[in-house]
Amino acid sequence: MTEDWVLYEVFIRSRSGLEHKHVGSLHAADARMALEHARDTYTRRQEGVSIWVVRSSDIVASDPQEAEALFDPARDKVYRHPTFYAIPEDVKNL
């Protein structure tokens, strides 16, 4: 029965070395079915090398209203910015 199906978020990695990107959502009875439906729906033309499916209810998100308080402590840690590191030329995807 489809009324028991759970909403899943789908993430696809297009190539090795790249990050997974959110591509959409789908309903499925379980994680295995969600993975198969994601494959059939979002990688029909061999677009991906990896698929993640995550129950939407398991995703915890920050509140945009609290963004300043959440991200402010990181602003004073400039050493974390990538401008402080040299990236070798042979690194293609970072």
PDB file of N, CA and C in Angstrom:
ATOM      1  N   MET A   1       0.837  -1.193   0.000  1.00  0.00           N
ATOM      2  CA  MET A   1       0.000   0.000   0.000  1.00  0.00           C
ATOM      3  C   MET A   1       0.877   1.250   0.000  1.00  0.00           C
ATOM      4  N   THR A   2       0.655   2.101  -0.922  1.00  0.00           N
ATOM      5  CA  THR A   2       1.505   3.286  -1.068  1.00  0.00           C
ATOM      6  C   THR A   2       1.333   4.288   0.058  1.00  0.00           C
ATOM      7  N   GLU A   3       0.249   4.234   0.838  1.00  0.00           N
ATOM      8  CA  GLU A   3       0.102   5.186   1.946  1.00  0.00           C
ATOM      9  C   GLU A   3       1.109   4.923   3.065  1.00  0.00           C
ATOM     10  N   ASP A   4       1.726   3.737   3.087  1.00  0.00           N
ATOM     11  CA  ASP A   4       2.747   3.407   4.069  1.00  0.00           C
ATOM     12  C   ASP A   4       4.159   3.746   3.584  1.00  0.00           C
ATOM     13  N   TRP A   5       4.286   4.209   2.355  1.00  0.00           N
ATOM     14  CA  TRP A   5       5.599   4.491   1.812  1.00  0.00           C
ATOM     15  C   TRP A   5       6.189   5.733   2.457  1.00  0.00           C
ATOM     16  N   VAL A   6       7.492   5.737   2.555  1.00  0.00           N
ATOM     17  CA  VAL A   6       8.239   6.803   3.226  1.00  0.00           C
ATOM     18  C   VAL A   6       8.869   7.713   2.172  1.00  0.00           C
ATOM     19  N   LEU A   7       9.017   8.989   2.503  1.00  0.00           N
ATOM     20  CA  LEU A   7       9.673   9.942   1.610  1.00  0.00           C
ATOM     21  C   LEU A   7      11.186   9.851   1.812  1.00  0.00           C
ATOM     22  N   TYR A   8      11.928   9.678   0.711  1.00  0.00           N
ATOM     23  CA  TYR A   8      13.389   9.613   0.721  1.00  0.00           C
ATOM     24  C   TYR A   8      13.954  10.753  -0.115  1.00  0.00           C
ATOM     25  N   GLU A   9      15.096  11.266   0.313  1.00  0.00           N
ATOM     26  CA  GLU A   9      15.852  12.239  -0.461  1.00  0.00           C
ATOM     27  C   GLU A   9      16.958  11.473  -1.187  1.00  0.00           C
ATOM     28  N   VAL A  10      17.216  11.860  -2.433  1.00  0.00           N
ATOM     29  CA  VAL A  10      18.165  11.133  -3.273  1.00  0.00           C
ATOM     30  C   VAL A  10      19.370  12.016  -3.577  1.00  0.00           C
ATOM     31  N   PHE A  11      20.566  11.438  -3.398  1.00  0.00           N
ATOM     32  CA  PHE A  11      21.819  12.118  -3.677  1.00  0.00           C
ATOM     33  C   PHE A  11      22.627  11.254  -4.643  1.00  0.00           C
ATOM     34  N   ILE A  12      23.165  11.875  -5.688  1.00  0.00           N
ATOM     35  CA  ILE A  12      23.930  11.163  -6.713  1.00  0.00           C
ATOM     36  C   ILE A  12      25.336  11.744  -6.797  1.00  0.00           C
ATOM     37  N   ARG A  13      26.322  10.863  -6.905  1.00  0.00           N
ATOM     38  CA  ARG A  13      27.698  11.298  -7.198  1.00  0.00           C
ATOM     39  C   ARG A  13      27.916  11.011  -8.673  1.00  0.00           C
ATOM     40  N   SER A  14      28.179  12.042  -9.455  1.00  0.00           N
ATOM     41  CA  SER A  14      28.290  11.882 -10.906  1.00  0.00           C
ATOM     42  C   SER A  14      29.592  11.221 -11.336  1.00  0.00           C
ATOM     43  N   ARG A  15      30.686  11.508 -10.608  1.00  0.00           N
ATOM     44  CA  ARG A  15      31.983  10.897 -10.924  1.00  0.00           C
ATOM     45  C   ARG A  15      32.743  10.664  -9.638  1.00  0.00           C
ATOM     46  N   SER A  16      33.658   9.709  -9.674  1.00  0.00           N
ATOM     47  CA  SER A  16      34.503   9.470  -8.508  1.00  0.00           C
ATOM     48  C   SER A  16      35.299  10.727  -8.187  1.00  0.00           C
ATOM     49  N   GLY A  17      35.409  11.033  -6.916  1.00  0.00           N
ATOM     50  CA  GLY A  17      36.143  12.214  -6.497  1.00  0.00           C
ATOM     51  C   GLY A  17      35.276  13.439  -6.312  1.00  0.00           C
ATOM     52  N   LEU A  18      34.052  13.398  -6.803  1.00  0.00           N
ATOM     53  CA  LEU A  18      33.144  14.528  -6.632  1.00  0.00           C
ATOM     54  C   LEU A  18      32.198  14.253  -5.470  1.00  0.00           C
ATOM     55  N   GLU A  19      31.520  15.292  -5.027  1.00  0.00           N
ATOM     56  CA  GLU A  19      30.577  15.146  -3.931  1.00  0.00           C
ATOM     57  C   GLU A  19      29.225  14.623  -4.428  1.00  0.00           C
ATOM     58  N   HIS A  20      28.456  14.068  -3.516  1.00  0.00           N
ATOM     59  CA  HIS A  20      27.077  13.694  -3.831  1.00  0.00           C
ATOM     60  C   HIS A  20      26.251  14.974  -3.866  1.00  0.00           C
ATOM     61  N   LYS A  21      25.316  15.049  -4.796  1.00  0.00           N
ATOM     62  CA  LYS A  21      24.433  16.217  -4.905  1.00  0.00           C
ATOM     63  C   LYS A  21      22.990  15.758  -4.817  1.00  0.00           C
ATOM     64  N   HIS A  22      22.190  16.575  -4.152  1.00  0.00           N
ATOM     65  CA  HIS A  22      20.766  16.264  -4.031  1.00  0.00           C
ATOM     66  C   HIS A  22      20.119  16.427  -5.408  1.00  0.00           C
ATOM     67  N   VAL A  23      19.400  15.388  -5.834  1.00  0.00           N
ATOM     68  CA  VAL A  23      18.778  15.430  -7.158  1.00  0.00           C
ATOM     69  C   VAL A  23      17.262  15.345  -7.099  1.00  0.00           C
ATOM     70  N   GLY A  24      16.713  14.978  -5.949  1.00  0.00           N
ATOM     71  CA  GLY A  24      15.269  14.905  -5.849  1.00  0.00           C
ATOM     72  C   GLY A  24      14.800  14.038  -4.705  1.00  0.00           C
ATOM     73  N   SER A  25      13.509  13.751  -4.713  1.00  0.00           N
ATOM     74  CA  SER A  25      12.872  12.967  -3.665  1.00  0.00           C
ATOM     75  C   SER A  25      12.009  11.899  -4.304  1.00  0.00           C
ATOM     76  N   LEU A  26      11.716  10.864  -3.529  1.00  0.00           N
ATOM     77  CA  LEU A  26      10.795   9.825  -3.993  1.00  0.00           C
ATOM     78  C   LEU A  26      10.212   9.090  -2.799  1.00  0.00           C
ATOM     79  N   HIS A  27       9.109   8.414  -3.026  1.00  0.00           N
ATOM     80  CA  HIS A  27       8.477   7.598  -1.993  1.00  0.00           C
ATOM     81  C   HIS A  27       8.789   6.130  -2.261  1.00  0.00           C
ATOM     82  N   ALA A  28       9.032   5.364  -1.197  1.00  0.00           N
ATOM     83  CA  ALA A  28       9.305   3.935  -1.330  1.00  0.00           C
ATOM     84  C   ALA A  28       8.916   3.229  -0.036  1.00  0.00           C
ATOM     85  N   ALA A  29       8.699   1.923  -0.150  1.00  0.00           N
ATOM     86  CA  ALA A  29       8.312   1.119   1.011  1.00  0.00           C
ATOM     87  C   ALA A  29       9.475   0.883   1.962  1.00  0.00           C
ATOM     88  N   ASP A  30      10.712   0.828   1.419  1.00  0.00           N
ATOM     89  CA  ASP A  30      11.893   0.610   2.254  1.00  0.00           C
ATOM     90  C   ASP A  30      13.116   1.170   1.536  1.00  0.00           C
ATOM     91  N   ALA A  31      14.260   1.117   2.217  1.00  0.00           N
ATOM     92  CA  ALA A  31      15.483   1.718   1.672  1.00  0.00           C
ATOM     93  C   ALA A  31      15.931   1.036   0.384  1.00  0.00           C
ATOM     94  N   ARG A  32      15.811  -0.275   0.313  1.00  0.00           N
ATOM     95  CA  ARG A  32      16.225  -1.005  -0.896  1.00  0.00           C
ATOM     96  C   ARG A  32      15.393  -0.563  -2.099  1.00  0.00           C
ATOM     97  N   MET A  33      14.082  -0.465  -1.904  1.00  0.00           N
ATOM     98  CA  MET A  33      13.209  -0.016  -2.983  1.00  0.00           C
ATOM     99  C   MET A  33      13.539   1.429  -3.365  1.00  0.00           C
ATOM    100  N   ALA A  34      13.838   2.254  -2.374  1.00  0.00           N
ATOM    101  CA  ALA A  34      14.199   3.650  -2.649  1.00  0.00           C
ATOM    102  C   ALA A  34      15.458   3.715  -3.502  1.00  0.00           C
ATOM    103  N   LEU A  35      16.438   2.873  -3.182  1.00  0.00           N
ATOM    104  CA  LEU A  35      17.685   2.839  -3.949  1.00  0.00           C
ATOM    105  C   LEU A  35      17.419   2.417  -5.392  1.00  0.00           C
ATOM    106  N   GLU A  36      16.596   1.405  -5.582  1.00  0.00           N
ATOM    107  CA  GLU A  36      16.283   0.936  -6.937  1.00  0.00           C
ATOM    108  C   GLU A  36      15.475   1.961  -7.714  1.00  0.00           C
ATOM    109  N   HIS A  37      14.507   2.603  -7.060  1.00  0.00           N
ATOM    110  CA  HIS A  37      13.726   3.642  -7.737  1.00  0.00           C
ATOM    111  C   HIS A  37      14.604   4.845  -8.081  1.00  0.00           C
ATOM    112  N   ALA A  38      15.530   5.184  -7.182  1.00  0.00           N
ATOM    113  CA  ALA A  38      16.448   6.294  -7.454  1.00  0.00           C
ATOM    114  C   ALA A  38      17.314   5.977  -8.660  1.00  0.00           C
ATOM    115  N   ARG A  39      17.814   4.751  -8.725  1.00  0.00           N
ATOM    116  CA  ARG A  39      18.624   4.336  -9.876  1.00  0.00           C
ATOM    117  C   ARG A  39      17.810   4.470 -11.165  1.00  0.00           C
ATOM    118  N   ASP A  40      16.579   3.950 -11.147  1.00  0.00           N
ATOM    119  CA  ASP A  40      15.745   3.974 -12.341  1.00  0.00           C
ATOM    120  C   ASP A  40      15.319   5.383 -12.737  1.00  0.00           C
ATOM    121  N   THR A  41      15.117   6.238 -11.755  1.00  0.00           N
ATOM    122  CA  THR A  41      14.622   7.587 -12.031  1.00  0.00           C
ATOM    123  C   THR A  41      15.722   8.590 -12.348  1.00  0.00           C
ATOM    124  N   TYR A  42      16.823   8.535 -11.592  1.00  0.00           N
ATOM    125  CA  TYR A  42      17.829   9.588 -11.675  1.00  0.00           C
ATOM    126  C   TYR A  42      19.119   9.210 -12.381  1.00  0.00           C
ATOM    127  N   THR A  43      19.290   7.955 -12.773  1.00  0.00           N
ATOM    128  CA  THR A  43      20.532   7.574 -13.459  1.00  0.00           C
ATOM    129  C   THR A  43      20.240   6.766 -14.719  1.00  0.00           C
ATOM    130  N   ARG A  44      19.231   7.140 -15.436  1.00  0.00           N
ATOM    131  CA  ARG A  44      18.844   6.392 -16.641  1.00  0.00           C
ATOM    132  C   ARG A  44      19.890   6.461 -17.746  1.00  0.00           C
ATOM    133  N   ARG A  45      20.703   7.501 -17.746  1.00  0.00           N
ATOM    134  CA  ARG A  45      21.699   7.672 -18.803  1.00  0.00           C
ATOM    135  C   ARG A  45      23.114   7.511 -18.271  1.00  0.00           C
ATOM    136  N   GLN A  46      23.295   6.643 -17.287  1.00  0.00           N
ATOM    137  CA  GLN A  46      24.617   6.377 -16.711  1.00  0.00           C
ATOM    138  C   GLN A  46      25.236   7.626 -16.085  1.00  0.00           C
ATOM    139  N   GLU A  47      24.406   8.473 -15.455  1.00  0.00           N
ATOM    140  CA  GLU A  47      24.908   9.730 -14.894  1.00  0.00           C
ATOM    141  C   GLU A  47      25.710   9.569 -13.618  1.00  0.00           C
ATOM    142  N   GLY A  48      25.568   8.475 -12.906  1.00  0.00           N
ATOM    143  CA  GLY A  48      26.174   8.412 -11.592  1.00  0.00           C
ATOM    144  C   GLY A  48      27.066   7.215 -11.361  1.00  0.00           C
ATOM    145  N   VAL A  49      27.893   7.339 -10.308  1.00  0.00           N
ATOM    146  CA  VAL A  49      28.720   6.222  -9.870  1.00  0.00           C
ATOM    147  C   VAL A  49      28.334   5.787  -8.464  1.00  0.00           C
ATOM    148  N   SER A  50      27.502   6.586  -7.781  1.00  0.00           N
ATOM    149  CA  SER A  50      27.087   6.269  -6.426  1.00  0.00           C
ATOM    150  C   SER A  50      25.756   6.942  -6.124  1.00  0.00           C
ATOM    151  N   ILE A  51      24.910   6.249  -5.380  1.00  0.00           N
ATOM    152  CA  ILE A  51      23.598   6.790  -4.990  1.00  0.00           C
ATOM    153  C   ILE A  51      23.455   6.676  -3.484  1.00  0.00           C
ATOM    154  N   TRP A  52      22.975   7.747  -2.867  1.00  0.00           N
ATOM    155  CA  TRP A  52      22.583   7.709  -1.459  1.00  0.00           C
ATOM    156  C   TRP A  52      21.087   7.981  -1.408  1.00  0.00           C
ATOM    157  N   VAL A  53      20.362   7.239  -0.594  1.00  0.00           N
ATOM    158  CA  VAL A  53      18.969   7.557  -0.285  1.00  0.00           C
ATOM    159  C   VAL A  53      18.864   7.700   1.228  1.00  0.00           C
ATOM    160  N   VAL A  54      18.203   8.750   1.666  1.00  0.00           N
ATOM    161  CA  VAL A  54      18.086   9.067   3.086  1.00  0.00           C
ATOM    162  C   VAL A  54      16.633   9.390   3.385  1.00  0.00           C
ATOM    163  N   ARG A  55      16.097   8.778   4.442  1.00  0.00           N
ATOM    164  CA  ARG A  55      14.734   9.128   4.845  1.00  0.00           C
ATOM    165  C   ARG A  55      14.686  10.630   5.133  1.00  0.00           C
ATOM    166  N   SER A  56      13.730  11.299   4.567  1.00  0.00           N
ATOM    167  CA  SER A  56      13.599  12.738   4.797  1.00  0.00           C
ATOM    168  C   SER A  56      13.451  13.050   6.273  1.00  0.00           C
ATOM    169  N   SER A  57      12.764  12.181   7.000  1.00  0.00           N
ATOM    170  CA  SER A  57      12.544  12.411   8.433  1.00  0.00           C
ATOM    171  C   SER A  57      13.828  12.296   9.243  1.00  0.00           C
ATOM    172  N   ASP A  58      14.885  11.703   8.683  1.00  0.00           N
ATOM    173  CA  ASP A  58      16.159  11.561   9.389  1.00  0.00           C
ATOM    174  C   ASP A  58      17.097  12.745   9.165  1.00  0.00           C
ATOM    175  N   ILE A  59      16.720  13.650   8.298  1.00  0.00           N
ATOM    176  CA  ILE A  59      17.563  14.817   8.023  1.00  0.00           C
ATOM    177  C   ILE A  59      17.256  15.907   9.038  1.00  0.00           C
ATOM    178  N   VAL A  60      18.304  16.410   9.657  1.00  0.00           N
ATOM    179  CA  VAL A  60      18.172  17.487  10.621  1.00  0.00           C
ATOM    180  C   VAL A  60      18.793  18.727   9.983  1.00  0.00           C
ATOM    181  N   ALA A  61      18.061  19.809   9.973  1.00  0.00           N
ATOM    182  CA  ALA A  61      18.534  21.030   9.323  1.00  0.00           C
ATOM    183  C   ALA A  61      18.590  22.179  10.320  1.00  0.00           C
ATOM    184  N   SER A  62      19.495  23.097  10.056  1.00  0.00           N
ATOM    185  CA  SER A  62      19.567  24.295  10.894  1.00  0.00           C
ATOM    186  C   SER A  62      18.425  25.233  10.526  1.00  0.00           C
ATOM    187  N   ASP A  63      18.103  26.100  11.449  1.00  0.00           N
ATOM    188  CA  ASP A  63      17.046  27.090  11.243  1.00  0.00           C
ATOM    189  C   ASP A  63      17.678  28.338  10.631  1.00  0.00           C
ATOM    190  N   PRO A  64      17.221  28.771   9.461  1.00  0.00           N
ATOM    191  CA  PRO A  64      17.797  29.974   8.844  1.00  0.00           C
ATOM    192  C   PRO A  64      17.722  31.202   9.750  1.00  0.00           C
ATOM    193  N   GLN A  65      16.747  31.238  10.637  1.00  0.00           N
ATOM    194  CA  GLN A  65      16.617  32.373  11.565  1.00  0.00           C
ATOM    195  C   GLN A  65      17.784  32.407  12.558  1.00  0.00           C
ATOM    196  N   GLU A  66      18.445  31.254  12.769  1.00  0.00           N
ATOM    197  CA  GLU A  66      19.549  31.170  13.724  1.00  0.00           C
ATOM    198  C   GLU A  66      20.911  31.090  13.034  1.00  0.00           C
ATOM    199  N   ALA A  67      20.982  31.443  11.770  1.00  0.00           N
ATOM    200  CA  ALA A  67      22.217  31.311  10.997  1.00  0.00           C
ATOM    201  C   ALA A  67      23.363  32.117  11.596  1.00  0.00           C
ATOM    202  N   GLU A  68      23.106  33.325  12.028  1.00  0.00           N
ATOM    203  CA  GLU A  68      24.186  34.166  12.565  1.00  0.00           C
ATOM    204  C   GLU A  68      24.812  33.524  13.795  1.00  0.00           C
ATOM    205  N   ALA A  69      24.005  33.073  14.718  1.00  0.00           N
ATOM    206  CA  ALA A  69      24.529  32.454  15.938  1.00  0.00           C
ATOM    207  C   ALA A  69      25.243  31.142  15.639  1.00  0.00           C
ATOM    208  N   LEU A  70      24.762  30.414  14.654  1.00  0.00           N
ATOM    209  CA  LEU A  70      25.350  29.120  14.314  1.00  0.00           C
ATOM    210  C   LEU A  70      26.698  29.269  13.611  1.00  0.00           C
ATOM    211  N   PHE A  71      26.779  30.198  12.656  1.00  0.00           N
ATOM    212  CA  PHE A  71      27.978  30.316  11.827  1.00  0.00           C
ATOM    213  C   PHE A  71      28.983  31.362  12.304  1.00  0.00           C
ATOM    214  N   ASP A  72      28.574  32.245  13.175  1.00  0.00           N
ATOM    215  CA  ASP A  72      29.467  33.305  13.648  1.00  0.00           C
ATOM    216  C   ASP A  72      30.765  32.783  14.261  1.00  0.00           C
ATOM    217  N   PRO A  73      30.754  31.757  15.104  1.00  0.00           N
ATOM    218  CA  PRO A  73      32.022  31.289  15.693  1.00  0.00           C
ATOM    219  C   PRO A  73      33.064  30.859  14.657  1.00  0.00           C
ATOM    220  N   ALA A  74      32.657  30.437  13.488  1.00  0.00           N
ATOM    221  CA  ALA A  74      33.608  29.994  12.464  1.00  0.00           C
ATOM    222  C   ALA A  74      34.277  31.160  11.739  1.00  0.00           C
ATOM    223  N   ARG A  75      33.688  32.331  11.804  1.00  0.00           N
ATOM    224  CA  ARG A  75      34.228  33.483  11.078  1.00  0.00           C
ATOM    225  C   ARG A  75      35.618  33.897  11.570  1.00  0.00           C
ATOM    226  N   ASP A  76      35.914  33.662  12.838  1.00  0.00           N
ATOM    227  CA  ASP A  76      37.216  34.084  13.364  1.00  0.00           C
ATOM    228  C   ASP A  76      38.291  33.009  13.202  1.00  0.00           C
ATOM    229  N   LYS A  77      38.008  31.958  12.484  1.00  0.00           N
ATOM    230  CA  LYS A  77      38.980  30.887  12.243  1.00  0.00           C
ATOM    231  C   LYS A  77      39.409  30.927  10.777  1.00  0.00           C
ATOM    232  N   VAL A  78      40.083  32.000  10.402  1.00  0.00           N
ATOM    233  CA  VAL A  78      40.454  32.212   9.002  1.00  0.00           C
ATOM    234  C   VAL A  78      41.395  31.138   8.468  1.00  0.00           C
ATOM    235  N   TYR A  79      42.119  30.463   9.364  1.00  0.00           N
ATOM    236  CA  TYR A  79      43.027  29.405   8.915  1.00  0.00           C
ATOM    237  C   TYR A  79      42.274  28.239   8.272  1.00  0.00           C
ATOM    238  N   ARG A  80      40.994  28.195   8.444  1.00  0.00           N
ATOM    239  CA  ARG A  80      40.203  27.119   7.832  1.00  0.00           C
ATOM    240  C   ARG A  80      39.822  27.416   6.384  1.00  0.00           C
ATOM    241  N   HIS A  81      40.045  28.632   5.956  1.00  0.00           N
ATOM    242  CA  HIS A  81      39.700  29.000   4.585  1.00  0.00           C
ATOM    243  C   HIS A  81      40.704  28.391   3.607  1.00  0.00           C
ATOM    244  N   PRO A  82      40.256  27.925   2.470  1.00  0.00           N
ATOM    245  CA  PRO A  82      41.148  27.246   1.532  1.00  0.00           C
ATOM    246  C   PRO A  82      42.216  28.143   0.918  1.00  0.00           C
ATOM    247  N   THR A  83      42.122  29.445   1.103  1.00  0.00           N
ATOM    248  CA  THR A  83      43.120  30.351   0.537  1.00  0.00           C
ATOM    249  C   THR A  83      44.478  30.196   1.206  1.00  0.00           C
ATOM    250  N   PHE A  84      44.537  29.516   2.340  1.00  0.00           N
ATOM    251  CA  PHE A  84      45.782  29.327   3.057  1.00  0.00           C
ATOM    252  C   PHE A  84      46.551  28.088   2.604  1.00  0.00           C
ATOM    253  N   TYR A  85      46.003  27.341   1.662  1.00  0.00           N
ATOM    254  CA  TYR A  85      46.621  26.093   1.241  1.00  0.00           C
ATOM    255  C   TYR A  85      46.873  26.095  -0.263  1.00  0.00           C
ATOM    256  N   ALA A  86      48.025  25.600  -0.643  1.00  0.00           N
ATOM    257  CA  ALA A  86      48.338  25.470  -2.070  1.00  0.00           C
ATOM    258  C   ALA A  86      47.764  24.142  -2.570  1.00  0.00           C
ATOM    259  N   ILE A  87      47.076  24.178  -3.684  1.00  0.00           N
ATOM    260  CA  ILE A  87      46.482  22.975  -4.257  1.00  0.00           C
ATOM    261  C   ILE A  87      47.362  22.502  -5.408  1.00  0.00           C
ATOM    262  N   PRO A  88      47.871  21.278  -5.337  1.00  0.00           N
ATOM    263  CA  PRO A  88      48.715  20.763  -6.419  1.00  0.00           C
ATOM    264  C   PRO A  88      47.961  20.763  -7.751  1.00  0.00           C
ATOM    265  N   GLU A  89      48.671  20.996  -8.811  1.00  0.00           N
ATOM    266  CA  GLU A  89      48.051  21.062 -10.147  1.00  0.00           C
ATOM    267  C   GLU A  89      47.447  19.738 -10.583  1.00  0.00           C
ATOM    268  N   ASP A  90      47.989  18.631 -10.086  1.00  0.00           N
ATOM    269  CA  ASP A  90      47.471  17.324 -10.502  1.00  0.00           C
ATOM    270  C   ASP A  90      46.171  16.938  -9.812  1.00  0.00           C
ATOM    271  N   VAL A  91      45.710  17.755  -8.865  1.00  0.00           N
ATOM    272  CA  VAL A  91      44.415  17.510  -8.215  1.00  0.00           C
ATOM    273  C   VAL A  91      43.330  18.096  -9.108  1.00  0.00           C
ATOM    274  N   LYS A  92      42.485  17.233  -9.643  1.00  0.00           N
ATOM    275  CA  LYS A  92      41.460  17.672 -10.606  1.00  0.00           C
ATOM    276  C   LYS A  92      40.157  18.101  -9.921  1.00  0.00           C
ATOM    277  N   ASN A  93      39.733  17.354  -8.904  1.00  0.00           N
ATOM    278  CA  ASN A  93      38.458  17.629  -8.248  1.00  0.00           C
ATOM    279  C   ASN A  93      38.684  17.794  -6.758  1.00  0.00           C
ATOM    280  N   LEU A  94      38.367  18.974  -6.266  1.00  0.00           N
ATOM    281  CA  LEU A  94      38.525  19.208  -4.849  1.00  0.00           C
ATOM    282  C   LEU A  94      37.324  19.929  -4.323  1.00  0.00           C
TER     283      LEU A  94
END
